[in-house]
Amino acid sequence: MGDFRGHSLVGSAFLLYGLMWSIRYPMVYLRGAAHGRHWHRMDLVEGIFKFIFASIGAVMENFAPSIGPRFHLINPEDHSWVGLSGWLHTTMYIFFSLSGLVDILTYSPLKIPQGLDRLTLALAFSLEGLLMYNHVRSQQPLEGLLHAFVLVVACIGFFCLVAEIFMRGHIILELFRSILAILQGSWLWQIALAVHPLRGAPWDQKDRSNLEFVPICFSWHLAMAIIIVITNYSLVHCYVMKYKKSSATNKIEFQKLGSAPEELEIRLLEESDEEYPGRTNRQL
């Protein structure tokens, strides 16, 4: 994660989850619990993706060209620590992998208590914040400030997920988590472009104007995340309203079709009585 590829891949994963949550949760909220059961199965898909991605990331982090410890913690020659930066990123991946594993086990016969999935994800965010705090202290000024905002988002995400343990299905908390995921994803991309650009020179670490611009840039990322979530919610709302209107129209048409044969039979009998008024009496 200490290069452009690492930051961009993790950022893309957070962006994907944030965008998916910003569509899924409004759909469940607006269509109701009866239709939401189908969307709740997405937890299993999210868990599988999270577990696979985080597990692969933990392995790849150990073999990163510059910081990869290659599963060695202590140098046997001088007894010094090996690749602590790589182990830091590996540990974060491990906890998100555990969160994905709990998501998968939630749909197993083990009958895992409800809310444990939110708890493990909250622990993953808390550990990310703890490790990021120590990571910030060892960085240069600009890179440290950039990662400090990742620490802020991780801490807020932890408190949001803890609240979800006790208020599961709360649409405000779910939308807020979507905003945080999109924000963290886009900000990791910003770090990749600022510190590890593929083209051009990285931002000057000691330029004070760069340090002053970082909070402004973060605010823009936050505004963009809010706009994306509001836009997705509005689109989902329009779709659900159109779907409900179409369903109501189809229901009325089916009701008309169901009553049409009875009306037709009554009309034919009335016409038959008018044409042969004495038929009924003769039959009697």
C-alpha atoms as a PDB file:
ATOM      1  CA  MET A   1       0.000   0.000   0.000  1.00  0.00           C
ATOM      2  CA  GLY A   2       3.059   2.229   0.104  1.00  0.00           C
ATOM      3  CA  ASP A   3       2.868   3.107  -3.604  1.00  0.00           C
ATOM      4  CA  PHE A   4       0.402   4.302  -6.219  1.00  0.00           C
ATOM      5  CA  ARG A   5      -0.963   0.836  -6.919  1.00  0.00           C
ATOM      6  CA  GLY A   6      -1.581   0.043  -3.255  1.00  0.00           C
ATOM      7  CA  HIS A   7      -3.383   3.290  -2.465  1.00  0.00           C
ATOM      8  CA  SER A   8      -5.439   3.252  -5.665  1.00  0.00           C
ATOM      9  CA  LEU A   9      -6.572  -0.372  -5.301  1.00  0.00           C
ATOM     10  CA  VAL A  10      -7.694   0.089  -1.698  1.00  0.00           C
ATOM     11  CA  GLY A  11      -9.292   3.398  -2.622  1.00  0.00           C
ATOM     12  CA  SER A  12     -11.196   1.709  -5.447  1.00  0.00           C
ATOM     13  CA  ALA A  13     -12.490  -0.945  -3.033  1.00  0.00           C
ATOM     14  CA  PHE A  14     -13.807   1.706  -0.626  1.00  0.00           C
ATOM     15  CA  LEU A  15     -15.362   3.611  -3.518  1.00  0.00           C
ATOM     16  CA  LEU A  16     -17.077   0.462  -4.759  1.00  0.00           C
ATOM     17  CA  TYR A  17     -18.532  -0.326  -1.339  1.00  0.00           C
ATOM     18  CA  GLY A  18     -19.641   3.264  -0.788  1.00  0.00           C
ATOM     19  CA  LEU A  19     -21.398   3.465  -4.154  1.00  0.00           C
ATOM     20  CA  MET A  20     -23.021   0.075  -3.620  1.00  0.00           C
ATOM     21  CA  TRP A  21     -24.256   1.054  -0.141  1.00  0.00           C
ATOM     22  CA  SER A  22     -25.596   4.399  -1.429  1.00  0.00           C
ATOM     23  CA  ILE A  23     -27.869   2.476  -3.829  1.00  0.00           C
ATOM     24  CA  ARG A  24     -28.705  -0.583  -1.766  1.00  0.00           C
ATOM     25  CA  TYR A  25     -29.766   1.047   1.512  1.00  0.00           C
ATOM     26  CA  PRO A  26     -32.132   3.615  -0.071  1.00  0.00           C
ATOM     27  CA  MET A  27     -33.652   0.771  -2.113  1.00  0.00           C
ATOM     28  CA  VAL A  28     -34.342  -1.244   1.045  1.00  0.00           C
ATOM     29  CA  TYR A  29     -35.649   1.803   2.902  1.00  0.00           C
ATOM     30  CA  LEU A  30     -37.970   3.022   0.143  1.00  0.00           C
ATOM     31  CA  ARG A  31     -39.336  -0.352  -0.973  1.00  0.00           C
ATOM     32  CA  GLY A  32     -39.899  -1.682   2.543  1.00  0.00           C
ATOM     33  CA  ALA A  33     -38.813  -4.754   4.491  1.00  0.00           C
ATOM     34  CA  ALA A  34     -40.698  -7.208   2.272  1.00  0.00           C
ATOM     35  CA  HIS A  35     -38.599  -6.345  -0.777  1.00  0.00           C
ATOM     36  CA  GLY A  36     -35.479  -5.638   1.329  1.00  0.00           C
ATOM     37  CA  ARG A  37     -34.954  -9.326   2.097  1.00  0.00           C
ATOM     38  CA  HIS A  38     -33.598  -9.891  -1.408  1.00  0.00           C
ATOM     39  CA  TRP A  39     -31.141  -7.020  -0.982  1.00  0.00           C
ATOM     40  CA  HIS A  40     -29.983  -8.312   2.397  1.00  0.00           C
ATOM     41  CA  ARG A  41     -28.445 -11.248   0.542  1.00  0.00           C
ATOM     42  CA  MET A  42     -25.911  -8.739  -0.754  1.00  0.00           C
ATOM     43  CA  ASP A  43     -24.268  -8.966   2.680  1.00  0.00           C
ATOM     44  CA  LEU A  44     -22.997 -12.404   1.680  1.00  0.00           C
ATOM     45  CA  VAL A  45     -21.621 -11.119  -1.640  1.00  0.00           C
ATOM     46  CA  GLU A  46     -19.977  -8.167   0.117  1.00  0.00           C
ATOM     47  CA  GLY A  47     -18.471 -10.499   2.707  1.00  0.00           C
ATOM     48  CA  ILE A  48     -17.007 -12.824   0.078  1.00  0.00           C
ATOM     49  CA  PHE A  49     -15.512  -9.934  -1.873  1.00  0.00           C
ATOM     50  CA  LYS A  50     -14.150  -8.315   1.278  1.00  0.00           C
ATOM     51  CA  PHE A  51     -12.581 -11.544   2.530  1.00  0.00           C
ATOM     52  CA  ILE A  52     -10.935 -12.387  -0.822  1.00  0.00           C
ATOM     53  CA  PHE A  53      -9.689  -8.855  -1.525  1.00  0.00           C
ATOM     54  CA  ALA A  54      -8.300  -8.304   1.985  1.00  0.00           C
ATOM     55  CA  SER A  55      -6.650 -11.729   2.091  1.00  0.00           C
ATOM     56  CA  ILE A  56      -4.945 -11.163  -1.250  1.00  0.00           C
ATOM     57  CA  GLY A  57      -3.902  -7.688  -0.102  1.00  0.00           C
ATOM     58  CA  ALA A  58      -2.333  -9.072   3.084  1.00  0.00           C
ATOM     59  CA  VAL A  59      -0.255 -11.571   1.102  1.00  0.00           C
ATOM     60  CA  MET A  60       0.777  -9.065  -1.569  1.00  0.00           C
ATOM     61  CA  GLU A  61       1.750  -6.501   1.063  1.00  0.00           C
ATOM     62  CA  ASN A  62       4.295  -8.942   2.434  1.00  0.00           C
ATOM     63  CA  PHE A  63       5.957  -9.150  -0.965  1.00  0.00           C
ATOM     64  CA  ALA A  64       5.901  -5.458  -1.852  1.00  0.00           C
ATOM     65  CA  PRO A  65       9.191  -4.432  -3.512  1.00  0.00           C
ATOM     66  CA  SER A  66      10.307  -1.807  -0.986  1.00  0.00           C
ATOM     67  CA  ILE A  67       8.524  -2.514   2.317  1.00  0.00           C
ATOM     68  CA  GLY A  68       7.538  -6.168   2.065  1.00  0.00           C
ATOM     69  CA  PRO A  69       8.833  -8.193   5.062  1.00  0.00           C
ATOM     70  CA  ARG A  70       8.166 -11.507   3.249  1.00  0.00           C
ATOM     71  CA  PHE A  71       6.633 -12.936   6.433  1.00  0.00           C
ATOM     72  CA  HIS A  72       9.764 -12.163   8.481  1.00  0.00           C
ATOM     73  CA  LEU A  73       9.308 -10.095  11.627  1.00  0.00           C
ATOM     74  CA  ILE A  74      12.839 -10.152  13.107  1.00  0.00           C
ATOM     75  CA  ASN A  75      16.160 -10.126  11.303  1.00  0.00           C
ATOM     76  CA  PRO A  76      18.109 -13.161  12.622  1.00  0.00           C
ATOM     77  CA  GLU A  77      21.444 -11.433  12.082  1.00  0.00           C
ATOM     78  CA  ASP A  78      21.062  -8.240  14.135  1.00  0.00           C
ATOM     79  CA  HIS A  79      17.670  -9.015  15.769  1.00  0.00           C
ATOM     80  CA  SER A  80      16.094  -5.863  14.322  1.00  0.00           C
ATOM     81  CA  TRP A  81      12.496  -5.465  13.141  1.00  0.00           C
ATOM     82  CA  VAL A  82      11.859  -6.271   9.494  1.00  0.00           C
ATOM     83  CA  GLY A  83       9.422  -4.326   7.299  1.00  0.00           C
ATOM     84  CA  LEU A  84       7.247  -2.782  10.008  1.00  0.00           C
ATOM     85  CA  SER A  85       5.509  -0.578   7.448  1.00  0.00           C
ATOM     86  CA  GLY A  86       4.563  -3.680   5.488  1.00  0.00           C
ATOM     87  CA  TRP A  87       3.345  -5.412   8.648  1.00  0.00           C
ATOM     88  CA  LEU A  88       1.258  -2.335   9.471  1.00  0.00           C
ATOM     89  CA  HIS A  89      -0.625  -2.556   6.190  1.00  0.00           C
ATOM     90  CA  THR A  90      -0.843  -6.365   6.451  1.00  0.00           C
ATOM     91  CA  THR A  91      -2.465  -6.088   9.885  1.00  0.00           C
ATOM     92  CA  MET A  92      -5.113  -3.710   8.560  1.00  0.00           C
ATOM     93  CA  TYR A  93      -5.865  -6.122   5.726  1.00  0.00           C
ATOM     94  CA  ILE A  94      -6.167  -9.018   8.198  1.00  0.00           C
ATOM     95  CA  PHE A  95      -8.831  -7.264  10.262  1.00  0.00           C
ATOM     96  CA  PHE A  96     -10.899  -6.355   7.199  1.00  0.00           C
ATOM     97  CA  SER A  97     -10.519  -9.967   6.090  1.00  0.00           C
ATOM     98  CA  LEU A  98     -11.910 -11.096   9.457  1.00  0.00           C
ATOM     99  CA  SER A  99     -14.835  -8.718   8.942  1.00  0.00           C
ATOM    100  CA  GLY A 100     -15.555 -10.380   5.599  1.00  0.00           C
ATOM    101  CA  LEU A 101     -15.338 -13.816   7.202  1.00  0.00           C
ATOM    102  CA  VAL A 102     -17.943 -12.838   9.817  1.00  0.00           C
ATOM    103  CA  ASP A 103     -20.207 -11.550   7.033  1.00  0.00           C
ATOM    104  CA  ILE A 104     -19.974 -14.973   5.370  1.00  0.00           C
ATOM    105  CA  LEU A 105     -20.552 -16.886   8.610  1.00  0.00           C
ATOM    106  CA  THR A 106     -23.651 -14.799   9.287  1.00  0.00           C
ATOM    107  CA  TYR A 107     -25.409 -16.870   6.593  1.00  0.00           C
ATOM    108  CA  SER A 108     -24.081 -20.177   7.895  1.00  0.00           C
ATOM    109  CA  PRO A 109     -25.908 -22.555  10.314  1.00  0.00           C
ATOM    110  CA  LEU A 110     -23.825 -21.159  13.216  1.00  0.00           C
ATOM    111  CA  LYS A 111     -26.536 -18.577  14.026  1.00  0.00           C
ATOM    112  CA  ILE A 112     -24.117 -15.733  14.688  1.00  0.00           C
ATOM    113  CA  PRO A 113     -25.703 -12.969  16.821  1.00  0.00           C
ATOM    114  CA  GLN A 114     -27.075 -10.048  14.870  1.00  0.00           C
ATOM    115  CA  GLY A 115     -24.763  -7.060  14.969  1.00  0.00           C
ATOM    116  CA  LEU A 116     -21.522  -9.054  15.134  1.00  0.00           C
ATOM    117  CA  ASP A 117     -20.812  -8.151  11.510  1.00  0.00           C
ATOM    118  CA  ARG A 118     -21.026  -4.450  12.367  1.00  0.00           C
ATOM    119  CA  LEU A 119     -18.866  -4.995  15.440  1.00  0.00           C
ATOM    120  CA  THR A 120     -16.031  -6.685  13.516  1.00  0.00           C
ATOM    121  CA  LEU A 121     -16.133  -3.981  10.830  1.00  0.00           C
ATOM    122  CA  ALA A 122     -16.026  -1.332  13.579  1.00  0.00           C
ATOM    123  CA  LEU A 123     -12.973  -3.056  15.064  1.00  0.00           C
ATOM    124  CA  ALA A 124     -11.328  -3.057  11.637  1.00  0.00           C
ATOM    125  CA  PHE A 125     -11.870   0.701  11.351  1.00  0.00           C
ATOM    126  CA  SER A 126     -10.627   1.279  14.906  1.00  0.00           C
ATOM    127  CA  LEU A 127      -7.462  -0.681  14.213  1.00  0.00           C
ATOM    128  CA  GLU A 128      -6.985   1.235  10.986  1.00  0.00           C
ATOM    129  CA  GLY A 129      -7.196   4.461  12.971  1.00  0.00           C
ATOM    130  CA  LEU A 130      -4.775   3.209  15.646  1.00  0.00           C
ATOM    131  CA  LEU A 131      -2.179   2.058  13.129  1.00  0.00           C
ATOM    132  CA  MET A 132      -2.662   5.173  11.015  1.00  0.00           C
ATOM    133  CA  TYR A 133      -1.969   7.336  14.079  1.00  0.00           C
ATOM    134  CA  ASN A 134       1.477   5.802  14.474  1.00  0.00           C
ATOM    135  CA  HIS A 135       1.977   5.849  10.706  1.00  0.00           C
ATOM    136  CA  VAL A 136       1.336   9.607  10.590  1.00  0.00           C
ATOM    137  CA  ARG A 137       3.963  10.334  13.221  1.00  0.00           C
ATOM    138  CA  SER A 138       6.723   8.747  11.137  1.00  0.00           C
ATOM    139  CA  GLN A 139       5.885  10.531   7.862  1.00  0.00           C
ATOM    140  CA  GLN A 140       7.050  13.781   6.332  1.00  0.00           C
ATOM    141  CA  PRO A 141       4.802  16.828   6.948  1.00  0.00           C
ATOM    142  CA  LEU A 142       2.684  16.670   3.788  1.00  0.00           C
ATOM    143  CA  GLU A 143       2.317  12.901   3.653  1.00  0.00           C
ATOM    144  CA  GLY A 144       1.578  12.834   7.370  1.00  0.00           C
ATOM    145  CA  LEU A 145      -1.191  15.426   6.973  1.00  0.00           C
ATOM    146  CA  LEU A 146      -2.703  13.513   4.060  1.00  0.00           C
ATOM    147  CA  HIS A 147      -2.822  10.306   6.106  1.00  0.00           C
ATOM    148  CA  ALA A 148      -4.119  12.191   9.147  1.00  0.00           C
ATOM    149  CA  PHE A 149      -7.415  12.716   7.340  1.00  0.00           C
ATOM    150  CA  VAL A 150      -7.611   8.954   6.751  1.00  0.00           C
ATOM    151  CA  LEU A 151      -7.295   8.635  10.529  1.00  0.00           C
ATOM    152  CA  VAL A 152     -10.184  11.085  11.007  1.00  0.00           C
ATOM    153  CA  VAL A 153     -12.456   9.188   8.599  1.00  0.00           C
ATOM    154  CA  ALA A 154     -11.561   5.852  10.207  1.00  0.00           C
ATOM    155  CA  CYS A 155     -12.414   7.125  13.707  1.00  0.00           C
ATOM    156  CA  ILE A 156     -15.747   8.575  12.581  1.00  0.00           C
ATOM    157  CA  GLY A 157     -16.514   5.327  10.756  1.00  0.00           C
ATOM    158  CA  PHE A 158     -15.846   3.396  13.968  1.00  0.00           C
ATOM    159  CA  PHE A 159     -18.401   5.429  15.957  1.00  0.00           C
ATOM    160  CA  CYS A 160     -20.930   5.182  13.123  1.00  0.00           C
ATOM    161  CA  LEU A 161     -20.639   1.374  13.046  1.00  0.00           C
ATOM    162  CA  VAL A 162     -20.882   1.122  16.839  1.00  0.00           C
ATOM    163  CA  ALA A 163     -24.140   3.083  16.642  1.00  0.00           C
ATOM    164  CA  GLU A 164     -25.369   0.683  13.941  1.00  0.00           C
ATOM    165  CA  ILE A 165     -24.890  -2.260  16.309  1.00  0.00           C
ATOM    166  CA  PHE A 166     -27.715  -0.900  18.471  1.00  0.00           C
ATOM    167  CA  MET A 167     -29.717   0.840  15.707  1.00  0.00           C
ATOM    168  CA  ARG A 168     -29.489  -1.601  12.835  1.00  0.00           C
ATOM    169  CA  GLY A 169     -31.257  -0.553   9.663  1.00  0.00           C
ATOM    170  CA  HIS A 170     -31.161   3.154  10.545  1.00  0.00           C
ATOM    171  CA  ILE A 171     -31.157   4.863   7.144  1.00  0.00           C
ATOM    172  CA  ILE A 172     -29.295   7.982   8.359  1.00  0.00           C
ATOM    173  CA  LEU A 173     -26.410   5.933   9.761  1.00  0.00           C
ATOM    174  CA  GLU A 174     -26.294   3.776   6.627  1.00  0.00           C
ATOM    175  CA  LEU A 175     -26.160   6.798   4.339  1.00  0.00           C
ATOM    176  CA  PHE A 176     -23.521   8.386   6.568  1.00  0.00           C
ATOM    177  CA  ARG A 177     -21.428   5.211   6.321  1.00  0.00           C
ATOM    178  CA  SER A 178     -21.798   5.358   2.541  1.00  0.00           C
ATOM    179  CA  ILE A 179     -20.471   8.923   2.554  1.00  0.00           C
ATOM    180  CA  LEU A 180     -17.497   7.914   4.705  1.00  0.00           C
ATOM    181  CA  ALA A 181     -16.636   4.973   2.453  1.00  0.00           C
ATOM    182  CA  ILE A 182     -16.737   7.120  -0.696  1.00  0.00           C
ATOM    183  CA  LEU A 183     -14.738   9.829   1.070  1.00  0.00           C
ATOM    184  CA  GLN A 184     -12.025   7.431   2.219  1.00  0.00           C
ATOM    185  CA  GLY A 185     -11.823   5.841  -1.218  1.00  0.00           C
ATOM    186  CA  SER A 186     -11.480   9.131  -3.084  1.00  0.00           C
ATOM    187  CA  TRP A 187      -9.005  10.447  -0.515  1.00  0.00           C
ATOM    188  CA  LEU A 188      -6.768   7.389  -0.903  1.00  0.00           C
ATOM    189  CA  TRP A 189      -6.739   8.111  -4.621  1.00  0.00           C
ATOM    190  CA  GLN A 190      -5.756  11.691  -3.797  1.00  0.00           C
ATOM    191  CA  ILE A 191      -2.847  10.442  -1.682  1.00  0.00           C
ATOM    192  CA  ALA A 192      -1.730   8.184  -4.537  1.00  0.00           C
ATOM    193  CA  LEU A 193      -1.769  11.078  -6.998  1.00  0.00           C
ATOM    194  CA  ALA A 194      -0.076  13.529  -4.611  1.00  0.00           C
ATOM    195  CA  VAL A 195       2.667  11.348  -3.109  1.00  0.00           C
ATOM    196  CA  HIS A 196       3.104   8.524  -5.647  1.00  0.00           C
ATOM    197  CA  PRO A 197       2.131   9.978  -9.042  1.00  0.00           C
ATOM    198  CA  LEU A 198       2.599   7.888 -12.160  1.00  0.00           C
ATOM    199  CA  ARG A 199       3.539  11.007 -14.110  1.00  0.00           C
ATOM    200  CA  GLY A 200       5.193  14.179 -12.997  1.00  0.00           C
ATOM    201  CA  ALA A 201       6.775  15.070  -9.676  1.00  0.00           C
ATOM    202  CA  PRO A 202       5.091  14.488  -6.321  1.00  0.00           C
ATOM    203  CA  TRP A 203       3.912  17.398  -4.245  1.00  0.00           C
ATOM    204  CA  ASP A 204       6.625  19.224  -2.326  1.00  0.00           C
ATOM    205  CA  GLN A 205       6.580  17.805   1.201  1.00  0.00           C
ATOM    206  CA  LYS A 206       7.786  21.037   2.827  1.00  0.00           C
ATOM    207  CA  ASP A 207       5.850  23.627   0.826  1.00  0.00           C
ATOM    208  CA  ARG A 208       3.494  25.388   3.251  1.00  0.00           C
ATOM    209  CA  SER A 209       1.050  26.234   0.487  1.00  0.00           C
ATOM    210  CA  ASN A 210       0.595  22.510  -0.132  1.00  0.00           C
ATOM    211  CA  LEU A 211      -0.056  21.987   3.580  1.00  0.00           C
ATOM    212  CA  GLU A 212      -2.679  24.757   3.523  1.00  0.00           C
ATOM    213  CA  PHE A 213      -4.365  23.316   0.438  1.00  0.00           C
ATOM    214  CA  VAL A 214      -4.769  19.782   1.851  1.00  0.00           C
ATOM    215  CA  PRO A 215      -7.677  20.646   4.247  1.00  0.00           C
ATOM    216  CA  ILE A 216      -9.405  22.549   1.427  1.00  0.00           C
ATOM    217  CA  CYS A 217      -8.986  19.577  -0.892  1.00  0.00           C
ATOM    218  CA  PHE A 218     -10.355  17.219   1.757  1.00  0.00           C
ATOM    219  CA  SER A 219     -13.430  19.426   2.136  1.00  0.00           C
ATOM    220  CA  TRP A 220     -14.024  19.183  -1.610  1.00  0.00           C
ATOM    221  CA  HIS A 221     -13.789  15.390  -1.432  1.00  0.00           C
ATOM    222  CA  LEU A 222     -16.339  15.400   1.400  1.00  0.00           C
ATOM    223  CA  ALA A 223     -18.699  17.621  -0.599  1.00  0.00           C
ATOM    224  CA  MET A 224     -18.340  15.329  -3.607  1.00  0.00           C
ATOM    225  CA  ALA A 225     -19.158  12.256  -1.480  1.00  0.00           C
ATOM    226  CA  ILE A 226     -22.286  13.937  -0.084  1.00  0.00           C
ATOM    227  CA  ILE A 227     -23.431  14.973  -3.572  1.00  0.00           C
ATOM    228  CA  ILE A 228     -22.939  11.413  -4.884  1.00  0.00           C
ATOM    229  CA  VAL A 229     -24.997   9.891  -2.057  1.00  0.00           C
ATOM    230  CA  ILE A 230     -27.789  12.486  -2.461  1.00  0.00           C
ATOM    231  CA  THR A 231     -27.834  11.908  -6.230  1.00  0.00           C
ATOM    232  CA  ASN A 232     -28.017   8.120  -5.851  1.00  0.00           C
ATOM    233  CA  TYR A 233     -30.783   8.444  -3.267  1.00  0.00           C
ATOM    234  CA  SER A 234     -32.771  10.698  -5.606  1.00  0.00           C
ATOM    235  CA  LEU A 235     -32.343   8.304  -8.532  1.00  0.00           C
ATOM    236  CA  VAL A 236     -33.421   5.345  -6.407  1.00  0.00           C
ATOM    237  CA  HIS A 237     -36.425   7.325  -5.154  1.00  0.00           C
ATOM    238  CA  CYS A 238     -37.506   8.110  -8.728  1.00  0.00           C
ATOM    239  CA  TYR A 239     -37.105   4.468  -9.711  1.00  0.00           C
ATOM    240  CA  VAL A 240     -39.092   3.179  -6.731  1.00  0.00           C
ATOM    241  CA  MET A 241     -41.913   5.692  -7.286  1.00  0.00           C
ATOM    242  CA  LYS A 242     -42.086   4.740 -10.959  1.00  0.00           C
ATOM    243  CA  TYR A 243     -42.092   1.050 -10.031  1.00  0.00           C
ATOM    244  CA  LYS A 244     -44.886   1.503  -7.478  1.00  0.00           C
ATOM    245  CA  LYS A 245     -46.956   3.507  -9.953  1.00  0.00           C
ATOM    246  CA  SER A 246     -46.475   0.858 -12.630  1.00  0.00           C
ATOM    247  CA  SER A 247     -47.372  -1.921 -10.173  1.00  0.00           C
ATOM    248  CA  ALA A 248     -50.540  -0.110  -9.103  1.00  0.00           C
ATOM    249  CA  THR A 249     -51.589   0.366 -12.745  1.00  0.00           C
ATOM    250  CA  ASN A 250     -50.988  -3.302 -13.548  1.00  0.00           C
ATOM    251  CA  LYS A 251     -52.963  -4.341 -10.479  1.00  0.00           C
ATOM    252  CA  ILE A 252     -55.986  -2.281 -11.560  1.00  0.00           C
ATOM    253  CA  GLU A 253     -55.831  -3.754 -15.073  1.00  0.00           C
ATOM    254  CA  PHE A 254     -55.682  -7.295 -13.686  1.00  0.00           C
ATOM    255  CA  GLN A 255     -58.677  -6.560 -11.480  1.00  0.00           C
ATOM    256  CA  LYS A 256     -60.607  -5.319 -14.505  1.00  0.00           C
ATOM    257  CA  LEU A 257     -59.669  -8.425 -16.488  1.00  0.00           C
ATOM    258  CA  GLY A 258     -60.752 -10.614 -13.584  1.00  0.00           C
ATOM    259  CA  SER A 259     -64.204  -9.019 -13.389  1.00  0.00           C
ATOM    260  CA  ALA A 260     -64.756  -8.824 -17.192  1.00  0.00           C
ATOM    261  CA  PRO A 261     -66.058 -12.414 -17.717  1.00  0.00           C
ATOM    262  CA  GLU A 262     -68.741 -11.977 -15.019  1.00  0.00           C
ATOM    263  CA  GLU A 263     -69.939  -8.682 -16.490  1.00  0.00           C
ATOM    264  CA  LEU A 264     -70.021 -10.211 -19.968  1.00  0.00           C
ATOM    265  CA  GLU A 265     -72.099 -13.194 -18.768  1.00  0.00           C
ATOM    266  CA  ILE A 266     -74.671 -10.934 -17.055  1.00  0.00           C
ATOM    267  CA  ARG A 267     -74.968  -8.780 -20.156  1.00  0.00           C
ATOM    268  CA  LEU A 268     -75.573 -11.818 -22.408  1.00  0.00           C
ATOM    269  CA  LEU A 269     -78.273 -13.145 -20.077  1.00  0.00           C
ATOM    270  CA  GLU A 270     -80.023  -9.778 -20.057  1.00  0.00           C
ATOM    271  CA  GLU A 271     -79.932  -9.586 -23.862  1.00  0.00           C
ATOM    272  CA  SER A 272     -81.270 -13.167 -24.072  1.00  0.00           C
ATOM    273  CA  ASP A 273     -84.200 -12.336 -21.775  1.00  0.00           C
ATOM    274  CA  GLU A 274     -85.091  -9.288 -23.856  1.00  0.00           C
ATOM    275  CA  GLU A 275     -85.064 -11.326 -27.084  1.00  0.00           C
ATOM    276  CA  TYR A 276     -87.091 -14.273 -25.695  1.00  0.00           C
ATOM    277  CA  PRO A 277     -89.213 -12.831 -22.888  1.00  0.00           C
ATOM    278  CA  GLY A 278     -91.364 -15.943 -22.499  1.00  0.00           C
ATOM    279  CA  ARG A 279     -88.546 -18.474 -22.564  1.00  0.00           C
ATOM    280  CA  THR A 280     -88.063 -18.597 -18.871  1.00  0.00           C
ATOM    281  CA  ASN A 281     -91.768 -19.176 -18.225  1.00  0.00           C
ATOM    282  CA  ARG A 282     -92.012 -21.965 -20.834  1.00  0.00           C
ATOM    283  CA  GLN A 283     -89.046 -23.711 -19.286  1.00  0.00           C
ATOM    284  CA  LEU A 284     -90.780 -23.566 -15.946  1.00  0.00           C
END
